[in-house]
């Protein structure tokens, strides 16, 4: 019978290496962007948000209110900066409101 190795690892480090080895970063980034949008924008905006999708470095947000779409278009750069800060990395370079 072989001896058991007693190396201890942090679960955080193990999860990061698992994600990296299996190339799951892009999928997790998409999920994290949706969660960051929901958290950062609040209930008022979320009630009019139909979908949030990240494709490459562009965030597509579909809104059901044209008035809200117009209001948010004035602060696109601020929204991008807030979301990137919340995510901890620069994933989003452009925001398209539909």
N, C-alpha and C. Protein backbone atom coordinates (compact mmCIF):
# COMPACT_ATOMS: atom_id res chain seq x y z
N UNK A 1 0.85 -1.17 0.00
CA UNK A 1 0.00 0.00 0.00
C UNK A 1 0.90 1.24 0.00
N UNK A 2 0.58 2.21 -0.86
CA UNK A 2 1.39 3.42 -0.94
C UNK A 2 1.03 4.38 0.17
N UNK A 3 2.01 5.18 0.54
CA UNK A 3 1.78 6.15 1.60
C UNK A 3 1.00 7.34 1.07
N UNK A 4 0.20 7.87 1.90
CA UNK A 4 -0.60 9.04 1.57
C UNK A 4 0.25 10.30 1.76
N UNK A 5 0.20 11.18 0.77
CA UNK A 5 0.95 12.42 0.91
C UNK A 5 0.14 13.39 1.75
N UNK A 6 0.79 14.08 2.61
CA UNK A 6 0.12 14.97 3.53
C UNK A 6 0.27 16.43 3.12
N UNK A 7 0.33 16.70 1.82
CA UNK A 7 0.43 18.07 1.36
C UNK A 7 -0.91 18.75 1.54
N UNK A 8 -0.88 19.94 2.10
CA UNK A 8 -2.13 20.67 2.26
C UNK A 8 -2.17 21.83 1.28
N UNK A 9 -3.32 22.02 0.67
CA UNK A 9 -3.52 23.07 -0.31
C UNK A 9 -4.75 23.87 0.08
N UNK A 10 -4.72 25.14 -0.27
CA UNK A 10 -5.91 25.95 -0.06
C UNK A 10 -6.93 25.61 -1.14
N UNK A 11 -8.19 25.56 -0.76
CA UNK A 11 -9.24 25.23 -1.72
C UNK A 11 -9.31 26.28 -2.82
N UNK A 12 -9.03 27.53 -2.47
CA UNK A 12 -9.03 28.61 -3.45
C UNK A 12 -7.99 28.36 -4.54
N UNK A 13 -6.79 27.95 -4.13
CA UNK A 13 -5.73 27.66 -5.10
C UNK A 13 -6.09 26.47 -5.98
N UNK A 14 -6.69 25.46 -5.38
CA UNK A 14 -7.10 24.28 -6.15
C UNK A 14 -8.17 24.63 -7.18
N UNK A 15 -9.13 25.45 -6.78
CA UNK A 15 -10.20 25.85 -7.71
C UNK A 15 -9.64 26.67 -8.86
N UNK A 16 -8.72 27.60 -8.55
CA UNK A 16 -8.13 28.42 -9.60
C UNK A 16 -7.35 27.56 -10.60
N UNK A 17 -6.59 26.60 -10.09
CA UNK A 17 -5.83 25.75 -11.00
C UNK A 17 -6.76 24.85 -11.82
N UNK A 18 -7.86 24.38 -11.22
CA UNK A 18 -8.83 23.57 -11.95
C UNK A 18 -9.47 24.37 -13.08
N UNK A 19 -9.86 25.61 -12.79
CA UNK A 19 -10.47 26.47 -13.80
C UNK A 19 -9.49 26.75 -14.92
N UNK A 20 -8.24 27.01 -14.56
CA UNK A 20 -7.23 27.33 -15.57
C UNK A 20 -6.91 26.11 -16.44
N UNK A 21 -6.75 24.95 -15.83
CA UNK A 21 -6.41 23.74 -16.57
C UNK A 21 -7.52 23.32 -17.53
N UNK A 22 -8.76 23.55 -17.14
CA UNK A 22 -9.90 23.15 -17.97
C UNK A 22 -10.43 24.27 -18.84
N UNK A 23 -9.72 25.39 -18.86
CA UNK A 23 -10.05 26.55 -19.70
C UNK A 23 -11.50 27.01 -19.52
N UNK A 24 -11.86 27.25 -18.26
CA UNK A 24 -13.22 27.66 -17.91
C UNK A 24 -13.33 29.15 -17.61
N UNK A 25 -12.25 29.92 -17.78
CA UNK A 25 -12.26 31.34 -17.41
C UNK A 25 -13.32 32.13 -18.19
N UNK A 26 -13.41 31.90 -19.50
CA UNK A 26 -14.35 32.68 -20.31
C UNK A 26 -15.79 32.45 -19.88
N UNK A 27 -16.14 31.22 -19.61
CA UNK A 27 -17.50 30.92 -19.15
C UNK A 27 -17.80 31.54 -17.80
N UNK A 28 -16.84 31.48 -16.90
CA UNK A 28 -17.03 32.09 -15.59
C UNK A 28 -17.09 33.61 -15.68
N UNK A 29 -16.31 34.18 -16.60
CA UNK A 29 -16.36 35.63 -16.80
C UNK A 29 -17.75 36.07 -17.25
N UNK A 30 -18.36 35.29 -18.13
CA UNK A 30 -19.71 35.62 -18.62
C UNK A 30 -20.72 35.61 -17.47
N UNK A 31 -20.62 34.62 -16.61
CA UNK A 31 -21.52 34.53 -15.46
C UNK A 31 -21.24 35.65 -14.48
N UNK A 32 -19.98 35.94 -14.25
CA UNK A 32 -19.61 37.00 -13.31
C UNK A 32 -20.04 38.38 -13.79
N UNK A 33 -20.01 38.60 -15.10
CA UNK A 33 -20.45 39.88 -15.65
C UNK A 33 -21.94 40.07 -15.41
N UNK A 34 -22.72 39.03 -15.64
CA UNK A 34 -24.17 39.11 -15.41
C UNK A 34 -24.46 39.41 -13.94
N UNK A 35 -23.75 38.73 -13.06
CA UNK A 35 -23.95 38.96 -11.62
C UNK A 35 -23.52 40.37 -11.22
N UNK A 36 -22.42 40.86 -11.80
CA UNK A 36 -21.95 42.21 -11.48
C UNK A 36 -22.95 43.26 -11.97
N UNK A 37 -23.53 43.04 -13.15
CA UNK A 37 -24.54 43.97 -13.67
C UNK A 37 -25.72 44.03 -12.71
N UNK A 38 -26.21 42.88 -12.31
CA UNK A 38 -27.36 42.81 -11.40
C UNK A 38 -27.06 43.52 -10.09
N UNK A 39 -25.88 43.29 -9.56
CA UNK A 39 -25.51 43.89 -8.28
C UNK A 39 -25.28 45.39 -8.39
N UNK A 40 -24.59 45.82 -9.42
CA UNK A 40 -24.21 47.23 -9.55
C UNK A 40 -25.38 48.13 -9.96
N UNK A 41 -26.28 47.63 -10.78
CA UNK A 41 -27.32 48.49 -11.35
C UNK A 41 -28.56 48.58 -10.47
N UNK A 42 -28.80 47.64 -9.61
CA UNK A 42 -29.92 47.72 -8.68
C UNK A 42 -31.24 47.29 -9.30
N UNK A 43 -32.28 47.27 -8.46
CA UNK A 43 -33.60 46.77 -8.88
C UNK A 43 -34.26 47.62 -9.95
N UNK A 44 -34.08 48.92 -9.90
CA UNK A 44 -34.72 49.80 -10.87
C UNK A 44 -34.33 49.47 -12.30
N UNK A 45 -33.05 49.27 -12.53
CA UNK A 45 -32.56 48.96 -13.87
C UNK A 45 -32.81 47.49 -14.20
N UNK A 46 -32.67 46.62 -13.21
CA UNK A 46 -32.83 45.18 -13.46
C UNK A 46 -34.23 44.79 -13.88
N UNK A 47 -35.24 45.55 -13.47
CA UNK A 47 -36.60 45.22 -13.90
C UNK A 47 -36.78 45.45 -15.39
N UNK A 48 -35.98 46.33 -15.98
CA UNK A 48 -36.07 46.61 -17.41
C UNK A 48 -34.98 45.91 -18.23
N UNK A 49 -34.14 45.12 -17.56
CA UNK A 49 -33.06 44.41 -18.25
C UNK A 49 -33.56 43.04 -18.69
N UNK A 50 -33.52 42.79 -20.00
CA UNK A 50 -33.94 41.50 -20.54
C UNK A 50 -32.79 40.50 -20.61
N UNK A 51 -31.62 40.96 -21.04
CA UNK A 51 -30.47 40.05 -21.11
C UNK A 51 -29.17 40.83 -21.01
N UNK A 52 -28.15 40.14 -20.49
CA UNK A 52 -26.80 40.69 -20.38
C UNK A 52 -25.87 39.61 -20.92
N UNK A 53 -25.14 39.96 -21.98
CA UNK A 53 -24.25 38.98 -22.61
C UNK A 53 -22.90 39.60 -22.88
N UNK A 54 -21.86 38.84 -22.59
CA UNK A 54 -20.49 39.25 -22.86
C UNK A 54 -19.98 38.44 -24.05
N UNK A 55 -19.57 39.14 -25.10
CA UNK A 55 -18.98 38.47 -26.26
C UNK A 55 -17.64 39.13 -26.52
N UNK A 56 -16.58 38.37 -26.36
CA UNK A 56 -15.21 38.87 -26.40
C UNK A 56 -15.06 39.96 -25.36
N UNK A 57 -14.87 41.20 -25.74
CA UNK A 57 -14.72 42.27 -24.75
C UNK A 57 -15.86 43.29 -24.83
N UNK A 58 -16.96 42.90 -25.47
CA UNK A 58 -18.11 43.78 -25.63
C UNK A 58 -19.27 43.25 -24.80
N UNK A 59 -19.87 44.12 -24.00
CA UNK A 59 -21.03 43.76 -23.19
C UNK A 59 -22.29 44.25 -23.89
N UNK A 60 -23.19 43.31 -24.19
CA UNK A 60 -24.46 43.62 -24.82
C UNK A 60 -25.56 43.54 -23.76
N UNK A 61 -26.28 44.63 -23.60
CA UNK A 61 -27.37 44.67 -22.62
C UNK A 61 -28.65 45.03 -23.35
N UNK A 62 -29.62 44.14 -23.24
CA UNK A 62 -30.92 44.38 -23.87
C UNK A 62 -31.87 44.93 -22.82
N UNK A 63 -32.42 46.11 -23.10
CA UNK A 63 -33.32 46.79 -22.18
C UNK A 63 -34.70 46.92 -22.81
N UNK A 64 -35.74 46.84 -22.00
CA UNK A 64 -37.10 46.96 -22.51
C UNK A 64 -37.60 48.40 -22.48
N UNK A 65 -36.84 49.31 -21.90
CA UNK A 65 -37.24 50.71 -21.81
C UNK A 65 -36.30 51.59 -22.63
N UNK A 66 -36.86 52.27 -23.64
CA UNK A 66 -36.03 53.15 -24.46
C UNK A 66 -35.56 54.37 -23.68
N UNK A 67 -36.35 54.82 -22.74
CA UNK A 67 -35.97 55.97 -21.91
C UNK A 67 -34.76 55.60 -21.05
N UNK A 68 -34.80 54.45 -20.43
CA UNK A 68 -33.69 53.99 -19.60
C UNK A 68 -32.45 53.77 -20.46
N UNK A 69 -32.62 53.20 -21.64
CA UNK A 69 -31.51 52.99 -22.56
C UNK A 69 -30.81 54.32 -22.88
N UNK A 70 -31.60 55.34 -23.13
CA UNK A 70 -31.05 56.67 -23.43
C UNK A 70 -30.31 57.24 -22.22
N UNK A 71 -30.89 57.11 -21.04
CA UNK A 71 -30.26 57.61 -19.82
C UNK A 71 -28.93 56.91 -19.55
N UNK A 72 -28.91 55.60 -19.70
CA UNK A 72 -27.69 54.84 -19.44
C UNK A 72 -26.62 55.11 -20.49
N UNK A 73 -27.02 55.47 -21.69
CA UNK A 73 -26.04 55.71 -22.75
C UNK A 73 -25.14 56.90 -22.42
N UNK A 74 -25.62 57.83 -21.61
CA UNK A 74 -24.80 58.98 -21.22
C UNK A 74 -23.67 58.59 -20.28
N UNK A 75 -23.81 57.49 -19.56
CA UNK A 75 -22.80 57.09 -18.59
C UNK A 75 -22.12 55.78 -18.93
N UNK A 76 -21.97 55.47 -20.21
CA UNK A 76 -21.38 54.18 -20.61
C UNK A 76 -19.98 53.98 -20.03
N UNK A 77 -19.15 55.00 -20.13
CA UNK A 77 -17.77 54.86 -19.64
C UNK A 77 -17.74 54.59 -18.14
N UNK A 78 -18.60 55.28 -17.41
CA UNK A 78 -18.65 55.07 -15.96
C UNK A 78 -19.15 53.66 -15.63
N UNK A 79 -20.14 53.18 -16.37
CA UNK A 79 -20.66 51.82 -16.15
C UNK A 79 -19.58 50.79 -16.43
N UNK A 80 -18.85 50.97 -17.53
CA UNK A 80 -17.77 50.04 -17.88
C UNK A 80 -16.72 50.01 -16.77
N UNK A 81 -16.32 51.19 -16.30
CA UNK A 81 -15.32 51.25 -15.23
C UNK A 81 -15.80 50.60 -13.95
N UNK A 82 -17.07 50.83 -13.58
CA UNK A 82 -17.63 50.23 -12.36
C UNK A 82 -17.67 48.71 -12.47
N UNK A 83 -18.10 48.20 -13.62
CA UNK A 83 -18.18 46.75 -13.80
C UNK A 83 -16.80 46.11 -13.79
N UNK A 84 -15.85 46.72 -14.49
CA UNK A 84 -14.49 46.18 -14.50
C UNK A 84 -13.87 46.19 -13.10
N UNK A 85 -14.13 47.25 -12.36
CA UNK A 85 -13.62 47.32 -10.99
C UNK A 85 -14.26 46.24 -10.12
N UNK A 86 -15.55 46.02 -10.30
CA UNK A 86 -16.26 45.00 -9.55
C UNK A 86 -15.74 43.60 -9.88
N UNK A 87 -15.38 43.38 -11.14
CA UNK A 87 -14.89 42.07 -11.58
C UNK A 87 -13.42 41.86 -11.23
N UNK A 88 -12.71 42.94 -11.00
CA UNK A 88 -11.30 42.83 -10.64
C UNK A 88 -10.37 42.70 -11.83
N UNK A 89 -10.88 42.85 -13.03
CA UNK A 89 -10.04 42.82 -14.23
C UNK A 89 -10.77 43.55 -15.36
N UNK A 90 -10.00 43.97 -16.35
CA UNK A 90 -10.57 44.72 -17.46
C UNK A 90 -11.11 43.77 -18.53
N UNK A 91 -12.33 43.32 -18.34
CA UNK A 91 -12.97 42.43 -19.30
C UNK A 91 -13.74 43.19 -20.36
N UNK A 92 -14.33 44.30 -19.98
CA UNK A 92 -15.24 45.02 -20.85
C UNK A 92 -14.56 46.28 -21.39
N UNK A 93 -14.57 46.44 -22.72
CA UNK A 93 -14.03 47.66 -23.31
C UNK A 93 -15.12 48.48 -23.99
N UNK A 94 -16.25 47.84 -24.29
CA UNK A 94 -17.33 48.53 -24.97
C UNK A 94 -18.67 48.03 -24.44
N UNK A 95 -19.63 48.94 -24.33
CA UNK A 95 -20.98 48.61 -23.85
C UNK A 95 -21.97 48.99 -24.93
N UNK A 96 -22.77 48.02 -25.33
CA UNK A 96 -23.82 48.28 -26.33
C UNK A 96 -25.16 48.03 -25.67
N UNK A 97 -25.97 49.07 -25.65
CA UNK A 97 -27.32 49.00 -25.07
C UNK A 97 -28.31 48.82 -26.21
N UNK A 98 -29.14 47.77 -26.13
CA UNK A 98 -30.12 47.51 -27.17
C UNK A 98 -31.50 47.56 -26.59
